[in-house]
PDB file of N, CA and C in Angstrom:
ATOM      1  N   MET A   1       0.960  41.607 -15.920  1.00  0.00           N
ATOM      2  CA  MET A   1      -0.137  40.651 -15.901  1.00  0.00           C
ATOM      3  C   MET A   1       0.331  39.404 -15.168  1.00  0.00           C
ATOM      4  N   LEU A   2      -0.377  39.028 -14.130  1.00  0.00           N
ATOM      5  CA  LEU A   2      -0.028  37.832 -13.364  1.00  0.00           C
ATOM      6  C   LEU A   2      -0.407  36.577 -14.144  1.00  0.00           C
ATOM      7  N   PHE A   3      -1.606  36.566 -14.712  1.00  0.00           N
ATOM      8  CA  PHE A   3      -2.026  35.491 -15.606  1.00  0.00           C
ATOM      9  C   PHE A   3      -3.224  35.952 -16.419  1.00  0.00           C
ATOM     10  N   SER A   4      -3.489  35.234 -17.499  1.00  0.00           N
ATOM     11  CA  SER A   4      -4.625  35.506 -18.378  1.00  0.00           C
ATOM     12  C   SER A   4      -5.176  34.161 -18.848  1.00  0.00           C
ATOM     13  N   ASP A   5      -5.903  33.464 -17.970  1.00  0.00           N
ATOM     14  CA  ASP A   5      -6.303  32.083 -18.214  1.00  0.00           C
ATOM     15  C   ASP A   5      -7.491  31.911 -19.155  1.00  0.00           C
ATOM     16  N   TYR A   6      -8.259  32.965 -19.423  1.00  0.00           N
ATOM     17  CA  TYR A   6      -9.401  32.795 -20.323  1.00  0.00           C
ATOM     18  C   TYR A   6      -8.957  32.620 -21.771  1.00  0.00           C
ATOM     19  N   ILE A   7      -7.778  33.079 -22.113  1.00  0.00           N
ATOM     20  CA  ILE A   7      -7.274  32.988 -23.488  1.00  0.00           C
ATOM     21  C   ILE A   7      -7.051  31.536 -23.897  1.00  0.00           C
ATOM     22  N   ASP A   8      -6.460  30.740 -22.978  1.00  0.00           N
ATOM     23  CA  ASP A   8      -6.133  29.352 -23.323  1.00  0.00           C
ATOM     24  C   ASP A   8      -6.851  28.339 -22.428  1.00  0.00           C
ATOM     25  N   ASP A   9      -7.995  28.730 -21.870  1.00  0.00           N
ATOM     26  CA  ASP A   9      -8.783  27.849 -21.000  1.00  0.00           C
ATOM     27  C   ASP A   9      -7.951  27.286 -19.852  1.00  0.00           C
ATOM     28  N   GLY A  10      -7.189  28.163 -19.197  1.00  0.00           N
ATOM     29  CA  GLY A  10      -6.354  27.763 -18.075  1.00  0.00           C
ATOM     30  C   GLY A  10      -7.172  27.421 -16.842  1.00  0.00           C
ATOM     31  N   PRO A  11      -6.522  26.896 -15.798  1.00  0.00           N
ATOM     32  CA  PRO A  11      -7.223  26.389 -14.621  1.00  0.00           C
ATOM     33  C   PRO A  11      -7.983  27.446 -13.815  1.00  0.00           C
ATOM     34  N   MET A  12      -7.528  28.681 -13.807  1.00  0.00           N
ATOM     35  CA  MET A  12      -8.257  29.708 -13.062  1.00  0.00           C
ATOM     36  C   MET A  12      -9.610  30.010 -13.711  1.00  0.00           C
ATOM     37  N   TRP A  13      -9.696  29.806 -15.018  1.00  0.00           N
ATOM     38  CA  TRP A  13     -10.918  30.092 -15.753  1.00  0.00           C
ATOM     39  C   TRP A  13     -11.833  28.869 -15.868  1.00  0.00           C
ATOM     40  N   THR A  14     -11.261  27.691 -16.050  1.00  0.00           N
ATOM     41  CA  THR A  14     -12.084  26.503 -16.297  1.00  0.00           C
ATOM     42  C   THR A  14     -12.152  25.542 -15.114  1.00  0.00           C
ATOM     43  N   GLY A  15     -11.274  25.681 -14.149  1.00  0.00           N
ATOM     44  CA  GLY A  15     -11.212  24.729 -13.044  1.00  0.00           C
ATOM     45  C   GLY A  15     -12.181  25.052 -11.923  1.00  0.00           C
ATOM     46  N   THR A  16     -12.242  24.151 -10.951  1.00  0.00           N
ATOM     47  CA  THR A  16     -13.000  24.356  -9.722  1.00  0.00           C
ATOM     48  C   THR A  16     -12.153  23.869  -8.562  1.00  0.00           C
ATOM     49  N   GLY A  17     -12.584  24.222  -7.351  1.00  0.00           N
ATOM     50  CA  GLY A  17     -11.822  23.832  -6.175  1.00  0.00           C
ATOM     51  C   GLY A  17     -10.613  24.722  -5.958  1.00  0.00           C
ATOM     52  N   PRO A  18      -9.725  24.332  -5.061  1.00  0.00           N
ATOM     53  CA  PRO A  18      -8.538  25.153  -4.775  1.00  0.00           C
ATOM     54  C   PRO A  18      -7.603  25.221  -5.986  1.00  0.00           C
ATOM     55  N   ARG A  19      -7.222  26.436  -6.349  1.00  0.00           N
ATOM     56  CA  ARG A  19      -6.275  26.658  -7.444  1.00  0.00           C
ATOM     57  C   ARG A  19      -5.286  27.740  -7.036  1.00  0.00           C
ATOM     58  N   GLU A  20      -4.085  27.653  -7.583  1.00  0.00           N
ATOM     59  CA  GLU A  20      -3.024  28.583  -7.211  1.00  0.00           C
ATOM     60  C   GLU A  20      -2.183  28.916  -8.437  1.00  0.00           C
ATOM     61  N   HIS A  21      -1.777  30.187  -8.523  1.00  0.00           N
ATOM     62  CA  HIS A  21      -0.831  30.606  -9.561  1.00  0.00           C
ATOM     63  C   HIS A  21       0.312  31.331  -8.859  1.00  0.00           C
ATOM     64  N   ARG A  22       1.555  30.914  -9.144  1.00  0.00           N
ATOM     65  CA  ARG A  22       2.751  31.529  -8.554  1.00  0.00           C
ATOM     66  C   ARG A  22       3.557  32.229  -9.637  1.00  0.00           C
ATOM     67  N   PHE A  23       4.060  33.411  -9.287  1.00  0.00           N
ATOM     68  CA  PHE A  23       4.920  34.178 -10.184  1.00  0.00           C
ATOM     69  C   PHE A  23       6.162  34.555  -9.398  1.00  0.00           C
ATOM     70  N   GLU A  24       7.321  34.140  -9.886  1.00  0.00           N
ATOM     71  CA  GLU A  24       8.582  34.418  -9.198  1.00  0.00           C
ATOM     72  C   GLU A  24       9.075  35.816  -9.559  1.00  0.00           C
ATOM     73  N   VAL A  25       9.267  36.649  -8.544  1.00  0.00           N
ATOM     74  CA  VAL A  25       9.787  38.009  -8.710  1.00  0.00           C
ATOM     75  C   VAL A  25      11.236  38.015  -8.263  1.00  0.00           C
ATOM     76  N   THR A  26      12.119  38.508  -9.120  1.00  0.00           N
ATOM     77  CA  THR A  26      13.536  38.642  -8.784  1.00  0.00           C
ATOM     78  C   THR A  26      13.874  40.126  -8.727  1.00  0.00           C
ATOM     79  N   PHE A  27      14.457  40.564  -7.617  1.00  0.00           N
ATOM     80  CA  PHE A  27      14.830  41.968  -7.462  1.00  0.00           C
ATOM     81  C   PHE A  27      16.014  42.305  -8.364  1.00  0.00           C
ATOM     82  N   GLU A  28      16.084  43.549  -8.807  1.00  0.00           N
ATOM     83  CA  GLU A  28      17.217  43.998  -9.627  1.00  0.00           C
ATOM     84  C   GLU A  28      18.512  43.948  -8.833  1.00  0.00           C
ATOM     85  N   GLU A  29      18.420  44.190  -7.529  1.00  0.00           N
ATOM     86  CA  GLU A  29      19.581  44.167  -6.652  1.00  0.00           C
ATOM     87  C   GLU A  29      19.164  43.471  -5.354  1.00  0.00           C
ATOM     88  N   ALA A  30      20.029  42.631  -4.811  1.00  0.00           N
ATOM     89  CA  ALA A  30      19.710  41.911  -3.573  1.00  0.00           C
ATOM     90  C   ALA A  30      19.715  42.871  -2.384  1.00  0.00           C
ATOM     91  N   TYR A  31      18.782  42.654  -1.463  1.00  0.00           N
ATOM     92  CA  TYR A  31      18.696  43.447  -0.238  1.00  0.00           C
ATOM     93  C   TYR A  31      19.640  42.880   0.813  1.00  0.00           C
ATOM     94  N   VAL A  32      19.935  43.658   1.852  1.00  0.00           N
ATOM     95  CA  VAL A  32      20.816  43.227   2.927  1.00  0.00           C
ATOM     96  C   VAL A  32      20.174  42.082   3.708  1.00  0.00           C
ATOM     97  N   ALA A  33      18.874  42.162   3.917  1.00  0.00           N
ATOM     98  CA  ALA A  33      18.092  41.140   4.616  1.00  0.00           C
ATOM     99  C   ALA A  33      16.752  41.026   3.889  1.00  0.00           C
ATOM    100  N   PRO A  34      15.990  39.976   4.141  1.00  0.00           N
ATOM    101  CA  PRO A  34      14.684  39.881   3.490  1.00  0.00           C
ATOM    102  C   PRO A  34      13.852  41.142   3.766  1.00  0.00           C
ATOM    103  N   PRO A  35      13.390  41.821   2.727  1.00  0.00           N
ATOM    104  CA  PRO A  35      12.642  43.066   2.904  1.00  0.00           C
ATOM    105  C   PRO A  35      11.166  42.804   3.224  1.00  0.00           C
ATOM    106  N   ASN A  36      10.459  43.858   3.534  1.00  0.00           N
ATOM    107  CA  ASN A  36       9.007  43.801   3.682  1.00  0.00           C
ATOM    108  C   ASN A  36       8.391  43.944   2.295  1.00  0.00           C
ATOM    109  N   VAL A  37       7.420  43.098   1.978  1.00  0.00           N
ATOM    110  CA  VAL A  37       6.788  43.109   0.659  1.00  0.00           C
ATOM    111  C   VAL A  37       5.280  43.254   0.832  1.00  0.00           C
ATOM    112  N   MET A  38       4.687  44.170   0.070  1.00  0.00           N
ATOM    113  CA  MET A  38       3.245  44.336   0.055  1.00  0.00           C
ATOM    114  C   MET A  38       2.754  44.137  -1.375  1.00  0.00           C
ATOM    115  N   VAL A  39       1.744  43.300  -1.562  1.00  0.00           N
ATOM    116  CA  VAL A  39       1.186  43.057  -2.886  1.00  0.00           C
ATOM    117  C   VAL A  39      -0.280  43.472  -2.906  1.00  0.00           C
ATOM    118  N   SER A  40      -0.772  43.830  -4.095  1.00  0.00           N
ATOM    119  CA  SER A  40      -2.168  44.222  -4.243  1.00  0.00           C
ATOM    120  C   SER A  40      -2.651  43.873  -5.644  1.00  0.00           C
ATOM    121  N   ILE A  41      -3.964  43.794  -5.771  1.00  0.00           N
ATOM    122  CA  ILE A  41      -4.590  43.554  -7.075  1.00  0.00           C
ATOM    123  C   ILE A  41      -4.690  44.885  -7.808  1.00  0.00           C
ATOM    124  N   ALA A  42      -4.193  44.937  -9.030  1.00  0.00           N
ATOM    125  CA  ALA A  42      -4.294  46.137  -9.855  1.00  0.00           C
ATOM    126  C   ALA A  42      -5.435  46.025 -10.868  1.00  0.00           C
ATOM    127  N   MET A  43      -5.776  44.780 -11.255  1.00  0.00           N
ATOM    128  CA  MET A  43      -6.883  44.543 -12.180  1.00  0.00           C
ATOM    129  C   MET A  43      -7.395  43.138 -11.940  1.00  0.00           C
ATOM    130  N   TRP A  44      -8.721  43.005 -11.929  1.00  0.00           N
ATOM    131  CA  TRP A  44      -9.381  41.731 -11.634  1.00  0.00           C
ATOM    132  C   TRP A  44     -10.478  41.553 -12.653  1.00  0.00           C
ATOM    133  N   ASP A  45     -10.455  40.468 -13.401  1.00  0.00           N
ATOM    134  CA  ASP A  45     -11.466  40.172 -14.427  1.00  0.00           C
ATOM    135  C   ASP A  45     -11.996  38.781 -14.137  1.00  0.00           C
ATOM    136  N   SER A  46     -13.292  38.701 -13.750  1.00  0.00           N
ATOM    137  CA  SER A  46     -13.850  37.405 -13.367  1.00  0.00           C
ATOM    138  C   SER A  46     -15.276  37.265 -13.884  1.00  0.00           C
ATOM    139  N   ASP A  47     -15.751  36.042 -13.881  1.00  0.00           N
ATOM    140  CA  ASP A  47     -17.108  35.718 -14.303  1.00  0.00           C
ATOM    141  C   ASP A  47     -18.097  36.219 -13.250  1.00  0.00           C
ATOM    142  N   THR A  48     -19.148  36.889 -13.668  1.00  0.00           N
ATOM    143  CA  THR A  48     -20.137  37.416 -12.726  1.00  0.00           C
ATOM    144  C   THR A  48     -21.171  36.380 -12.307  1.00  0.00           C
ATOM    145  N   LYS A  49     -21.151  35.202 -12.908  1.00  0.00           N
ATOM    146  CA  LYS A  49     -22.138  34.172 -12.573  1.00  0.00           C
ATOM    147  C   LYS A  49     -21.710  33.302 -11.387  1.00  0.00           C
ATOM    148  N   THR A  50     -20.483  33.474 -10.920  1.00  0.00           N
ATOM    149  CA  THR A  50     -19.976  32.691  -9.791  1.00  0.00           C
ATOM    150  C   THR A  50     -19.463  33.640  -8.710  1.00  0.00           C
ATOM    151  N   ASN A  51     -19.253  33.109  -7.517  1.00  0.00           N
ATOM    152  CA  ASN A  51     -18.691  33.921  -6.435  1.00  0.00           C
ATOM    153  C   ASN A  51     -17.278  34.351  -6.790  1.00  0.00           C
ATOM    154  N   GLN A  52     -16.924  35.547  -6.364  1.00  0.00           N
ATOM    155  CA  GLN A  52     -15.593  36.078  -6.646  1.00  0.00           C
ATOM    156  C   GLN A  52     -14.728  35.923  -5.398  1.00  0.00           C
ATOM    157  N   ARG A  53     -13.949  34.855  -5.385  1.00  0.00           N
ATOM    158  CA  ARG A  53     -13.082  34.540  -4.247  1.00  0.00           C
ATOM    159  C   ARG A  53     -11.629  34.715  -4.673  1.00  0.00           C
ATOM    160  N   MET A  54     -10.847  35.345  -3.823  1.00  0.00           N
ATOM    161  CA  MET A  54      -9.441  35.503  -4.170  1.00  0.00           C
ATOM    162  C   MET A  54      -8.612  35.767  -2.939  1.00  0.00           C
ATOM    163  N   ASP A  55      -7.345  35.392  -3.058  1.00  0.00           N
ATOM    164  CA  ASP A  55      -6.346  35.667  -2.035  1.00  0.00           C
ATOM    165  C   ASP A  55      -5.050  35.945  -2.776  1.00  0.00           C
ATOM    166  N   ILE A  56      -4.366  37.026  -2.407  1.00  0.00           N
ATOM    167  CA  ILE A  56      -3.074  37.342  -3.024  1.00  0.00           C
ATOM    168  C   ILE A  56      -2.083  37.605  -1.901  1.00  0.00           C
ATOM    169  N   SER A  57      -0.861  37.084  -2.079  1.00  0.00           N
ATOM    170  CA  SER A  57       0.135  37.237  -1.025  1.00  0.00           C
ATOM    171  C   SER A  57       1.544  37.134  -1.590  1.00  0.00           C
ATOM    172  N   ALA A  58       2.504  37.552  -0.764  1.00  0.00           N
ATOM    173  CA  ALA A  58       3.930  37.382  -1.056  1.00  0.00           C
ATOM    174  C   ALA A  58       4.431  36.256  -0.153  1.00  0.00           C
ATOM    175  N   GLU A  59       5.088  35.259  -0.746  1.00  0.00           N
ATOM    176  CA  GLU A  59       5.606  34.126   0.014  1.00  0.00           C
ATOM    177  C   GLU A  59       7.059  33.875  -0.377  1.00  0.00           C
ATOM    178  N   GLU A  60       7.742  33.106   0.447  1.00  0.00           N
ATOM    179  CA  GLU A  60       9.144  32.737   0.186  1.00  0.00           C
ATOM    180  C   GLU A  60      10.011  33.981  -0.044  1.00  0.00           C
ATOM    181  N   ILE A  61       9.857  34.993   0.798  1.00  0.00           N
ATOM    182  CA  ILE A  61      10.594  36.253   0.643  1.00  0.00           C
ATOM    183  C   ILE A  61      12.046  36.060   1.073  1.00  0.00           C
ATOM    184  N   THR A  62      12.966  36.418   0.177  1.00  0.00           N
ATOM    185  CA  THR A  62      14.399  36.366   0.469  1.00  0.00           C
ATOM    186  C   THR A  62      15.025  37.698   0.072  1.00  0.00           C
ATOM    187  N   GLU A  63      16.331  37.819   0.284  1.00  0.00           N
ATOM    188  CA  GLU A  63      17.049  39.023  -0.125  1.00  0.00           C
ATOM    189  C   GLU A  63      17.008  39.216  -1.637  1.00  0.00           C
ATOM    190  N   ALA A  64      16.810  38.129  -2.387  1.00  0.00           N
ATOM    191  CA  ALA A  64      16.886  38.171  -3.848  1.00  0.00           C
ATOM    192  C   ALA A  64      15.532  38.269  -4.545  1.00  0.00           C
ATOM    193  N   GLY A  65      14.435  37.948  -3.842  1.00  0.00           N
ATOM    194  CA  GLY A  65      13.136  37.989  -4.494  1.00  0.00           C
ATOM    195  C   GLY A  65      12.045  37.336  -3.663  1.00  0.00           C
ATOM    196  N   PHE A  66      10.901  37.063  -4.289  1.00  0.00           N
ATOM    197  CA  PHE A  66       9.774  36.442  -3.596  1.00  0.00           C
ATOM    198  C   PHE A  66       8.834  35.808  -4.613  1.00  0.00           C
ATOM    199  N   ASP A  67       7.906  35.020  -4.117  1.00  0.00           N
ATOM    200  CA  ASP A  67       6.846  34.447  -4.943  1.00  0.00           C
ATOM    201  C   ASP A  67       5.579  35.261  -4.741  1.00  0.00           C
ATOM    202  N   LEU A  68       5.018  35.767  -5.824  1.00  0.00           N
ATOM    203  CA  LEU A  68       3.727  36.442  -5.809  1.00  0.00           C
ATOM    204  C   LEU A  68       2.691  35.352  -6.062  1.00  0.00           C
ATOM    205  N   VAL A  69       1.787  35.131  -5.095  1.00  0.00           N
ATOM    206  CA  VAL A  69       0.875  33.983  -5.135  1.00  0.00           C
ATOM    207  C   VAL A  69      -0.573  34.454  -5.163  1.00  0.00           C
ATOM    208  N   PHE A  70      -1.317  33.960  -6.155  1.00  0.00           N
ATOM    209  CA  PHE A  70      -2.747  34.229  -6.265  1.00  0.00           C
ATOM    210  C   PHE A  70      -3.477  32.909  -6.089  1.00  0.00           C
ATOM    211  N   ARG A  71      -4.514  32.917  -5.248  1.00  0.00           N
ATOM    212  CA  ARG A  71      -5.311  31.711  -5.022  1.00  0.00           C
ATOM    213  C   ARG A  71      -6.793  32.022  -5.180  1.00  0.00           C
ATOM    214  N   THR A  72      -7.524  31.024  -5.649  1.00  0.00           N
ATOM    215  CA  THR A  72      -8.979  31.056  -5.656  1.00  0.00           C
ATOM    216  C   THR A  72      -9.476  29.663  -5.335  1.00  0.00           C
ATOM    217  N   TRP A  73     -10.784  29.509  -5.127  1.00  0.00           N
ATOM    218  CA  TRP A  73     -11.341  28.217  -4.731  1.00  0.00           C
ATOM    219  C   TRP A  73     -12.822  28.181  -5.096  1.00  0.00           C
ATOM    220  N   GLY A  74     -13.413  27.033  -4.818  1.00  0.00           N
ATOM    221  CA  GLY A  74     -14.837  26.854  -5.112  1.00  0.00           C
ATOM    222  C   GLY A  74     -15.105  26.910  -6.610  1.00  0.00           C
ATOM    223  N   ASP A  75     -16.217  27.533  -6.982  1.00  0.00           N
ATOM    224  CA  ASP A  75     -16.591  27.623  -8.399  1.00  0.00           C
ATOM    225  C   ASP A  75     -16.156  28.932  -9.048  1.00  0.00           C
ATOM    226  N   SER A  76     -15.327  29.721  -8.370  1.00  0.00           N
ATOM    227  CA  SER A  76     -14.888  31.013  -8.917  1.00  0.00           C
ATOM    228  C   SER A  76     -14.194  30.821 -10.263  1.00  0.00           C
ATOM    229  N   ARG A  77     -14.504  31.724 -11.185  1.00  0.00           N
ATOM    230  CA  ARG A  77     -13.874  31.713 -12.512  1.00  0.00           C
ATOM    231  C   ARG A  77     -13.149  33.039 -12.701  1.00  0.00           C
ATOM    232  N   VAL A  78     -11.830  32.973 -12.733  1.00  0.00           N
ATOM    233  CA  VAL A  78     -11.011  34.178 -12.850  1.00  0.00           C
ATOM    234  C   VAL A  78     -10.368  34.183 -14.227  1.00  0.00           C
ATOM    235  N   ALA A  79     -10.697  35.204 -15.009  1.00  0.00           N
ATOM    236  CA  ALA A  79     -10.167  35.299 -16.369  1.00  0.00           C
ATOM    237  C   ALA A  79      -8.722  35.791 -16.374  1.00  0.00           C
ATOM    238  N   ARG A  80      -8.473  36.872 -15.631  1.00  0.00           N
ATOM    239  CA  ARG A  80      -7.117  37.431 -15.596  1.00  0.00           C
ATOM    240  C   ARG A  80      -6.953  38.334 -14.384  1.00  0.00           C
ATOM    241  N   VAL A  81      -5.709  38.496 -13.982  1.00  0.00           N
ATOM    242  CA  VAL A  81      -5.361  39.319 -12.833  1.00  0.00           C
ATOM    243  C   VAL A  81      -4.049  40.040 -13.132  1.00  0.00           C
ATOM    244  N   ARG A  82      -4.019  41.306 -12.753  1.00  0.00           N
ATOM    245  CA  ARG A  82      -2.761  42.070 -12.783  1.00  0.00           C
ATOM    246  C   ARG A  82      -2.486  42.479 -11.335  1.00  0.00           C
ATOM    247  N   ALA A  83      -1.248  42.374 -10.907  1.00  0.00           N
ATOM    248  CA  ALA A  83      -0.879  42.668  -9.520  1.00  0.00           C
ATOM    249  C   ALA A  83       0.241  43.701  -9.467  1.00  0.00           C
ATOM    250  N   ASN A  84       0.262  44.459  -8.377  1.00  0.00           N
ATOM    251  CA  ASN A  84       1.341  45.401  -8.087  1.00  0.00           C
ATOM    252  C   ASN A  84       2.022  44.960  -6.804  1.00  0.00           C
ATOM    253  N   TRP A  85       3.255  45.379  -6.634  1.00  0.00           N
ATOM    254  CA  TRP A  85       3.974  45.097  -5.403  1.00  0.00           C
ATOM    255  C   TRP A  85       4.932  46.227  -5.089  1.00  0.00           C
ATOM    256  N   ILE A  86       5.216  46.371  -3.785  1.00  0.00           N
ATOM    257  CA  ILE A  86       6.188  47.357  -3.322  1.00  0.00           C
ATOM    258  C   ILE A  86       7.068  46.674  -2.278  1.00  0.00           C
ATOM    259  N   VAL A  87       8.337  47.017  -2.291  1.00  0.00           N
ATOM    260  CA  VAL A  87       9.307  46.407  -1.378  1.00  0.00           C
ATOM    261  C   VAL A  87       9.975  47.507  -0.572  1.00  0.00           C
ATOM    262  N   ILE A  88      10.085  47.283   0.742  1.00  0.00           N
ATOM    263  CA  ILE A  88      10.766  48.235   1.618  1.00  0.00           C
ATOM    264  C   ILE A  88      11.832  47.473   2.384  1.00  0.00           C
ATOM    265  N   GLY A  89      13.080  47.908   2.219  1.00  0.00           N
ATOM    266  CA  GLY A  89      14.185  47.246   2.895  1.00  0.00           C
ATOM    267  C   GLY A  89      15.490  47.964   2.614  1.00  0.00           C
ATOM    268  N   SER A  90      16.542  47.498   3.252  1.00  0.00           N
ATOM    269  CA  SER A  90      17.866  48.107   3.106  1.00  0.00           C
ATOM    270  C   SER A  90      18.643  47.448   1.981  1.00  0.00           C
ATOM    271  N   LEU A  91      19.197  48.284   1.114  1.00  0.00           N
ATOM    272  CA  LEU A  91      20.092  47.806   0.066  1.00  0.00           C
ATOM    273  C   LEU A  91      21.534  47.986   0.529  1.00  0.00           C
ATOM    274  N   PRO A  92      22.454  47.167   0.026  1.00  0.00           N
ATOM    275  CA  PRO A  92      23.857  47.327   0.416  1.00  0.00           C
ATOM    276  C   PRO A  92      24.399  48.683  -0.032  1.00  0.00           C
ATOM    277  N   ASN A  93      25.338  49.197   0.761  1.00  0.00           N
ATOM    278  CA  ASN A  93      25.963  50.491   0.468  1.00  0.00           C
ATOM    279  C   ASN A  93      27.451  50.359   0.703  1.00  0.00           C
ATOM    280  N   GLU A  94      28.250  51.041  -0.102  1.00  0.00           N
ATOM    281  CA  GLU A  94      29.710  50.935   0.049  1.00  0.00           C
ATOM    282  C   GLU A  94      30.189  51.479   1.385  1.00  0.00           C
ATOM    283  N   ASP A  95      29.388  52.274   2.058  1.00  0.00           N
ATOM    284  CA  ASP A  95      29.760  52.802   3.371  1.00  0.00           C
ATOM    285  C   ASP A  95      29.358  51.889   4.535  1.00  0.00           C
ATOM    286  N   ASP A  96      28.694  50.769   4.241  1.00  0.00           N
ATOM    287  CA  ASP A  96      28.306  49.842   5.308  1.00  0.00           C
ATOM    288  C   ASP A  96      29.554  49.235   5.941  1.00  0.00           C
ATOM    289  N   TRP A  97      29.500  49.031   7.234  1.00  0.00           N
ATOM    290  CA  TRP A  97      30.596  48.428   7.958  1.00  0.00           C
ATOM    291  C   TRP A  97      30.270  46.977   8.215  1.00  0.00           C
ATOM    292  N   GLU A  98      31.247  46.133   8.054  1.00  0.00           N
ATOM    293  CA  GLU A  98      31.121  44.728   8.405  1.00  0.00           C
ATOM    294  C   GLU A  98      32.163  44.414   9.464  1.00  0.00           C
ATOM    295  N   LEU A  99      31.698  44.085  10.647  1.00  0.00           N
ATOM    296  CA  LEU A  99      32.615  43.736  11.731  1.00  0.00           C
ATOM    297  C   LEU A  99      32.741  42.233  11.804  1.00  0.00           C
ATOM    298  N   TYR A 100      33.936  41.774  11.861  1.00  0.00           N
ATOM    299  CA  TYR A 100      34.300  40.353  12.006  1.00  0.00           C
ATOM    300  C   TYR A 100      33.936  39.618  10.788  1.00  0.00           C
TER     301      TYR A 100
END
């Protein structure tokens, strides 16, 4: 679960205008270089009386992790969101060669 703002009247549920929620993801093992990250919405619960606006992305991607970022704006009321992510990249291997 990325957030559940309807439970405690959080900003995604009660606010208006630009709003953002960040979730820091830390990889179990660091990658050799910043990997490719794809994020998607797995569950979306919003008020039907307002426009449903949303943007989800991966930002600040490093070898160790990334920020999963959800944004909404205007009068949208988002109760809760669950997100999925997949990472594609090279992990270190004992057979890797390091020159110099």
